[in-house]
Amino acid sequence: MLLLIATITFTATKAQDTKTETFKVWGNCGMCKKTIEKAAKTDGVEKAEWNRETKIFTLVYNPAVISNEKVQKAIAAVGYDTEKFTGDDKAYEKLPGCCHYERKMKEDIN
């Protein structure tokens, strides 16, 4: 019984420590989805999910461990534009052809 109470308390505390936010990430296909989500999954991230049709990325994270901005920078580092950051040009060029999306103008993002 004591173990059950401890588990419930831990779960409730953990849920209170997380924050959910959404932002746009440009991309095209299933390979993009895999790369974008992999780049975002780091310490402090509980959920990283990109919707291919809407281009909306859902992030559930612990703000005491990582920030939304750091996750967006990690996604940009692998070549994908986000609402706040332009994807790294060299990383973008290395993406498979199907992953080359219509890029936003840099001044529109930054």
Protein backbone atom coordinates (compact mmCIF):
# COMPACT_ATOMS: atom_id res chain seq x y z
CA MET A 1 0.00 0.00 0.00
CA LEU A 2 2.80 2.39 0.91
CA LEU A 3 4.50 1.67 -2.41
CA LEU A 4 1.29 2.51 -4.29
CA ILE A 5 0.97 5.84 -2.49
CA ALA A 6 4.62 6.67 -3.20
CA THR A 7 4.17 5.82 -6.89
CA ILE A 8 1.05 7.98 -7.21
CA THR A 9 2.76 10.89 -5.45
CA PHE A 10 5.85 10.61 -7.66
CA THR A 11 3.72 10.49 -10.83
CA ALA A 12 1.67 13.51 -9.79
CA THR A 13 4.81 15.48 -8.92
CA LYS A 14 6.46 14.55 -12.21
CA ALA A 15 3.39 15.69 -14.20
CA GLN A 16 3.44 19.05 -12.42
CA ASP A 17 7.09 19.56 -13.42
CA THR A 18 6.39 19.37 -17.15
CA LYS A 19 5.31 22.02 -19.59
CA THR A 20 3.62 21.50 -22.96
CA GLU A 21 4.23 23.88 -25.87
CA THR A 22 3.78 23.78 -29.61
CA PHE A 23 5.66 25.47 -32.42
CA LYS A 24 6.02 25.15 -36.19
CA VAL A 25 8.81 23.14 -37.82
CA TRP A 26 9.15 22.99 -41.60
CA GLY A 27 9.63 19.60 -43.26
CA ASN A 28 8.01 17.19 -45.70
CA CYS A 29 8.00 13.50 -45.02
CA GLY A 30 8.32 10.57 -42.67
CA MET A 31 12.10 10.81 -42.77
CA CYS A 32 11.81 14.44 -41.69
CA LYS A 33 9.57 13.38 -38.81
CA LYS A 34 12.09 10.81 -37.62
CA THR A 35 15.03 13.25 -37.81
CA ILE A 36 13.15 16.15 -36.19
CA GLU A 37 11.85 14.04 -33.30
CA LYS A 38 15.23 12.37 -32.73
CA ALA A 39 16.98 15.75 -32.57
CA ALA A 40 14.51 16.97 -29.96
CA LYS A 41 14.65 13.94 -27.67
CA THR A 42 17.18 14.85 -25.03
CA ASP A 43 17.36 15.05 -21.25
CA GLY A 44 14.29 16.79 -19.90
CA VAL A 45 12.10 16.06 -22.95
CA GLU A 46 9.24 13.69 -22.24
CA LYS A 47 7.45 13.96 -25.57
CA ALA A 48 8.62 15.21 -28.94
CA GLU A 49 6.09 14.78 -31.72
CA TRP A 50 5.94 16.44 -35.14
CA ASN A 51 2.79 16.40 -37.28
CA ARG A 52 3.72 16.14 -40.95
CA GLU A 53 0.46 17.64 -42.24
CA THR A 54 0.19 20.65 -39.93
CA LYS A 55 3.96 21.12 -39.38
CA ILE A 56 3.18 21.57 -35.67
CA PHE A 57 5.66 20.17 -33.17
CA THR A 58 4.37 19.25 -29.70
CA LEU A 59 6.93 19.40 -26.93
CA VAL A 60 6.40 18.14 -23.40
CA TYR A 61 9.43 18.96 -21.28
CA ASN A 62 10.79 19.81 -17.86
CA PRO A 63 11.77 23.51 -17.93
CA ALA A 64 14.14 22.95 -15.00
CA VAL A 65 16.23 20.71 -17.26
CA ILE A 66 15.84 22.12 -20.79
CA SER A 67 14.16 25.03 -22.57
CA ASN A 68 11.91 25.24 -25.61
CA GLU A 69 14.59 27.41 -27.21
CA LYS A 70 17.29 24.74 -26.77
CA VAL A 71 15.03 22.12 -28.36
CA GLN A 72 14.34 24.43 -31.32
CA LYS A 73 18.08 25.04 -31.70
CA ALA A 74 18.71 21.27 -31.73
CA ILE A 75 16.12 20.85 -34.48
CA ALA A 76 17.65 23.72 -36.48
CA ALA A 77 21.10 22.14 -36.08
CA VAL A 78 19.95 19.10 -38.09
CA GLY A 79 18.67 21.31 -40.92
CA TYR A 80 15.05 22.17 -40.14
CA ASP A 81 13.63 25.68 -39.80
CA THR A 82 11.55 26.35 -36.69
CA GLU A 83 9.50 29.37 -35.72
CA LYS A 84 12.50 30.94 -33.97
CA PHE A 85 15.56 29.52 -35.75
CA THR A 86 16.75 28.92 -39.30
CA GLY A 87 18.00 25.42 -39.98
CA ASP A 88 21.73 24.99 -40.45
CA ASP A 89 22.43 25.41 -44.19
CA LYS A 90 25.07 22.65 -44.37
CA ALA A 91 22.84 20.20 -42.49
CA TYR A 92 19.90 21.11 -44.77
CA GLU A 93 21.98 20.40 -47.90
CA LYS A 94 22.86 16.94 -46.52
CA LEU A 95 19.20 15.99 -46.02
CA PRO A 96 17.76 13.49 -48.54
CA GLY A 97 16.05 15.13 -51.54
CA CYS A 98 12.57 14.28 -50.25
CA CYS A 99 13.36 16.26 -47.10
CA HIS A 100 14.18 19.49 -48.96
CA TYR A 101 11.21 21.66 -48.04
CA GLU A 102 10.46 25.19 -49.17
CA ARG A 103 12.56 27.23 -46.78
CA LYS A 104 11.35 30.38 -45.12
CA MET A 105 13.31 33.53 -45.69
CA LYS A 106 15.84 33.98 -42.87
CA GLU A 107 14.46 37.36 -41.89
CA ASP A 108 10.99 35.79 -41.49
CA ILE A 109 12.32 33.37 -38.86
CA ASN A 110 14.94 35.27 -36.90
